[in-house]
Amino acid sequence: MTTTMATDARRFRTAMGRFATGVTVITTRTADGVHGMTANGFLSVSLEPPLILVSLGACAMARYLEAGDRYAVTVLSADQEAVSRHFGGRPCFDVRFESPGAFDFVPGGLARIGCRIVDRVPAGDHTLFLGEVEHLDYRDGAPLLFYTGSYRTLHAGLTEDVFFY
């Protein structure tokens, strides 16, 4: 299906939903405590220096990051759909964060990335929060994915030796 340059927001969102993404929880610490939200607008930007970004629309987390100087990203594992829903606006349990240094992470994630905000770039109705990585650790496991508006898991028994470099 094709469309003209005047693409409406719903059709654009539906088309973008055809791109499978990982699911993360973004956290930041304020004077009021730790705040978190589920986000899939996340990507790596640079290896040297190590940079990532999160893309946020008008939301409480964007306001916290506008005022703050750090954020943390927890990449969720396949068994953390309930965690994603919790931080996506359906709170259903208490979370005890793991807090190495200046960062707060959701326990059980596949990767934990802590960043110092180095730039904020307006982009349409979102802001891109560019962060330089100051903390990084990870573990093996299956990721939680989001595709066409639903949570998915990776059903492949692939190991790194099947990828060509």
Protein backbone atom coordinates (compact mmCIF):
# COMPACT_ATOMS: atom_id res chain seq x y z
CA MET A 1 0.00 0.00 0.00
CA THR A 2 1.37 3.42 -0.90
CA THR A 3 0.37 6.88 0.19
CA THR A 4 1.04 10.50 -0.69
CA MET A 5 3.45 12.83 1.10
CA ALA A 6 0.56 13.93 3.30
CA THR A 7 0.73 10.80 5.46
CA ASP A 8 -1.61 10.87 8.42
CA ALA A 9 -0.25 10.03 11.88
CA ARG A 10 -2.21 6.77 12.26
CA ARG A 11 -0.98 5.33 8.96
CA PHE A 12 2.57 6.39 9.79
CA ARG A 13 2.35 4.71 13.22
CA THR A 14 0.96 1.53 11.63
CA ALA A 15 3.75 1.43 9.05
CA MET A 16 6.42 1.99 11.72
CA GLY A 17 4.86 -0.85 13.74
CA ARG A 18 6.18 -3.19 11.05
CA PHE A 19 9.67 -2.61 12.44
CA ALA A 20 10.30 -4.97 15.37
CA THR A 21 11.99 -3.23 18.29
CA GLY A 22 13.41 -4.24 21.60
CA VAL A 23 11.69 -3.01 24.74
CA THR A 24 13.46 -0.90 27.36
CA VAL A 25 12.70 0.85 30.60
CA ILE A 26 14.20 4.33 30.89
CA THR A 27 14.85 5.53 34.45
CA THR A 28 16.11 8.69 36.04
CA ARG A 29 16.59 9.83 39.61
CA THR A 30 15.07 13.09 40.87
CA ALA A 31 14.65 14.64 44.30
CA ASP A 32 11.28 12.80 44.45
CA GLY A 33 12.84 9.37 43.80
CA VAL A 34 13.34 7.11 40.80
CA HIS A 35 11.02 7.49 37.82
CA GLY A 36 10.71 5.00 34.98
CA MET A 37 8.86 4.48 31.73
CA THR A 38 8.71 1.84 29.01
CA ALA A 39 10.21 2.98 25.72
CA ASN A 40 11.19 1.46 22.40
CA GLY A 41 12.55 4.71 20.92
CA PHE A 42 16.13 3.76 21.79
CA LEU A 43 19.24 3.19 19.70
CA SER A 44 23.00 3.23 19.72
CA VAL A 45 24.59 6.19 17.97
CA SER A 46 28.38 5.96 18.22
CA LEU A 47 31.12 3.60 19.35
CA GLU A 48 33.73 6.30 19.97
CA PRO A 49 32.68 7.91 22.16
CA PRO A 50 29.98 5.42 23.18
CA LEU A 51 26.66 7.25 22.67
CA ILE A 52 23.02 6.20 22.76
CA LEU A 53 19.79 8.11 22.47
CA VAL A 54 16.23 7.86 23.66
CA SER A 55 13.43 9.61 21.81
CA LEU A 56 10.61 10.92 23.98
CA GLY A 57 7.42 12.79 23.20
CA ALA A 58 5.60 15.07 25.63
CA CYS A 59 5.61 13.03 28.84
CA ALA A 60 6.76 13.20 32.44
CA MET A 61 10.02 11.40 31.62
CA ALA A 62 10.90 14.01 28.99
CA ARG A 63 10.39 16.74 31.59
CA TYR A 64 12.63 14.87 34.06
CA LEU A 65 15.37 14.48 31.45
CA GLU A 66 15.08 18.14 30.43
CA ALA A 67 15.82 19.08 34.04
CA GLY A 68 18.31 16.30 34.84
CA ASP A 69 21.71 15.19 33.68
CA ARG A 70 21.55 11.36 33.59
CA TYR A 71 19.35 8.48 32.57
CA ALA A 72 19.57 4.71 32.60
CA VAL A 73 18.28 2.14 30.12
CA THR A 74 17.37 -1.44 31.00
CA VAL A 75 16.89 -3.70 27.96
CA LEU A 76 14.11 -6.10 28.93
CA SER A 77 14.26 -9.88 28.62
CA ALA A 78 11.52 -12.07 27.13
CA ASP A 79 10.10 -12.84 30.58
CA GLN A 80 9.63 -9.16 31.52
CA GLU A 81 6.42 -8.27 29.71
CA ALA A 82 4.76 -7.49 33.07
CA VAL A 83 7.62 -5.09 33.85
CA SER A 84 7.07 -3.33 30.53
CA ARG A 85 3.35 -3.02 31.19
CA HIS A 86 4.06 -1.72 34.71
CA PHE A 87 6.28 1.09 33.43
CA GLY A 88 3.98 1.63 30.44
CA GLY A 89 1.27 2.98 32.73
CA ARG A 90 -0.25 -0.13 34.28
CA PRO A 91 1.49 -0.26 37.68
CA CYS A 92 0.93 -3.59 39.37
CA PHE A 93 3.85 -4.20 41.75
CA ASP A 94 6.64 -2.51 43.69
CA VAL A 95 9.98 -2.33 41.95
CA ARG A 96 13.24 -2.44 43.82
CA PHE A 97 15.81 -0.91 41.54
CA GLU A 98 19.42 -1.98 41.31
CA SER A 99 21.46 1.19 41.75
CA PRO A 100 25.16 1.02 40.91
CA GLY A 101 26.44 4.56 41.37
CA ALA A 102 24.35 7.29 39.79
CA PHE A 103 22.04 4.95 37.87
CA ASP A 104 18.91 2.93 38.67
CA PHE A 105 18.09 -0.21 36.70
CA VAL A 106 15.20 -2.68 36.63
CA PRO A 107 16.43 -6.07 37.89
CA GLY A 108 16.56 -8.94 35.40
CA GLY A 109 17.25 -7.02 32.20
CA LEU A 110 19.58 -8.18 29.45
CA ALA A 111 21.61 -4.98 29.36
CA ARG A 112 22.07 -2.01 31.66
CA ILE A 113 23.32 1.25 30.17
CA GLY A 114 23.83 4.38 32.24
CA CYS A 115 24.38 7.72 30.51
CA ARG A 116 25.23 11.33 31.11
CA ILE A 117 23.08 13.56 28.88
CA VAL A 118 25.32 15.40 26.41
CA ASP A 119 22.68 16.88 24.10
CA ARG A 120 18.95 17.41 23.73
CA VAL A 121 17.75 17.72 20.15
CA PRO A 122 14.19 18.75 19.27
CA ALA A 123 12.84 16.52 16.49
CA GLY A 124 9.23 17.08 15.46
CA ASP A 125 6.97 16.28 18.42
CA HIS A 126 9.80 14.46 20.27
CA THR A 127 13.12 15.30 21.89
CA LEU A 128 16.19 13.14 21.31
CA PHE A 129 18.19 12.75 24.51
CA LEU A 130 21.75 11.89 23.51
CA GLY A 131 23.70 10.18 26.29
CA GLU A 132 27.37 9.30 26.70
CA VAL A 133 27.69 5.85 28.26
CA GLU A 134 29.20 5.85 31.75
CA HIS A 135 27.97 2.43 32.93
CA LEU A 136 27.52 -0.77 30.92
CA ASP A 137 26.87 -4.39 31.71
CA TYR A 138 24.91 -7.19 30.09
CA ARG A 139 24.02 -10.87 30.18
CA ASP A 140 22.85 -13.46 27.68
CA GLY A 141 19.16 -14.20 27.20
CA ALA A 142 16.17 -13.80 24.92
CA PRO A 143 14.87 -10.23 24.35
CA LEU A 144 11.35 -8.89 24.74
CA LEU A 145 10.22 -7.51 21.37
CA PHE A 146 7.42 -5.22 20.23
CA TYR A 147 5.87 -5.67 16.77
CA THR A 148 2.57 -4.44 15.29
CA GLY A 149 1.33 -3.26 18.67
CA SER A 150 1.99 -6.52 20.52
CA TYR A 151 4.73 -8.04 22.63
CA ARG A 152 6.70 -10.81 20.95
CA THR A 153 9.65 -13.03 21.73
CA LEU A 154 12.47 -14.26 19.57
CA HIS A 155 11.94 -17.90 18.63
CA ALA A 156 15.28 -18.79 17.14
CA GLY A 157 17.98 -21.04 18.46
CA LEU A 158 20.72 -19.00 16.84
CA THR A 159 24.14 -18.61 18.36
CA GLU A 160 26.78 -16.08 17.42
CA ASP A 161 28.67 -18.65 15.32
CA VAL A 162 25.94 -18.59 12.63
CA PHE A 163 26.47 -14.89 11.90
CA PHE A 164 28.98 -13.90 9.26
CA TYR A 165 31.34 -11.04 9.99
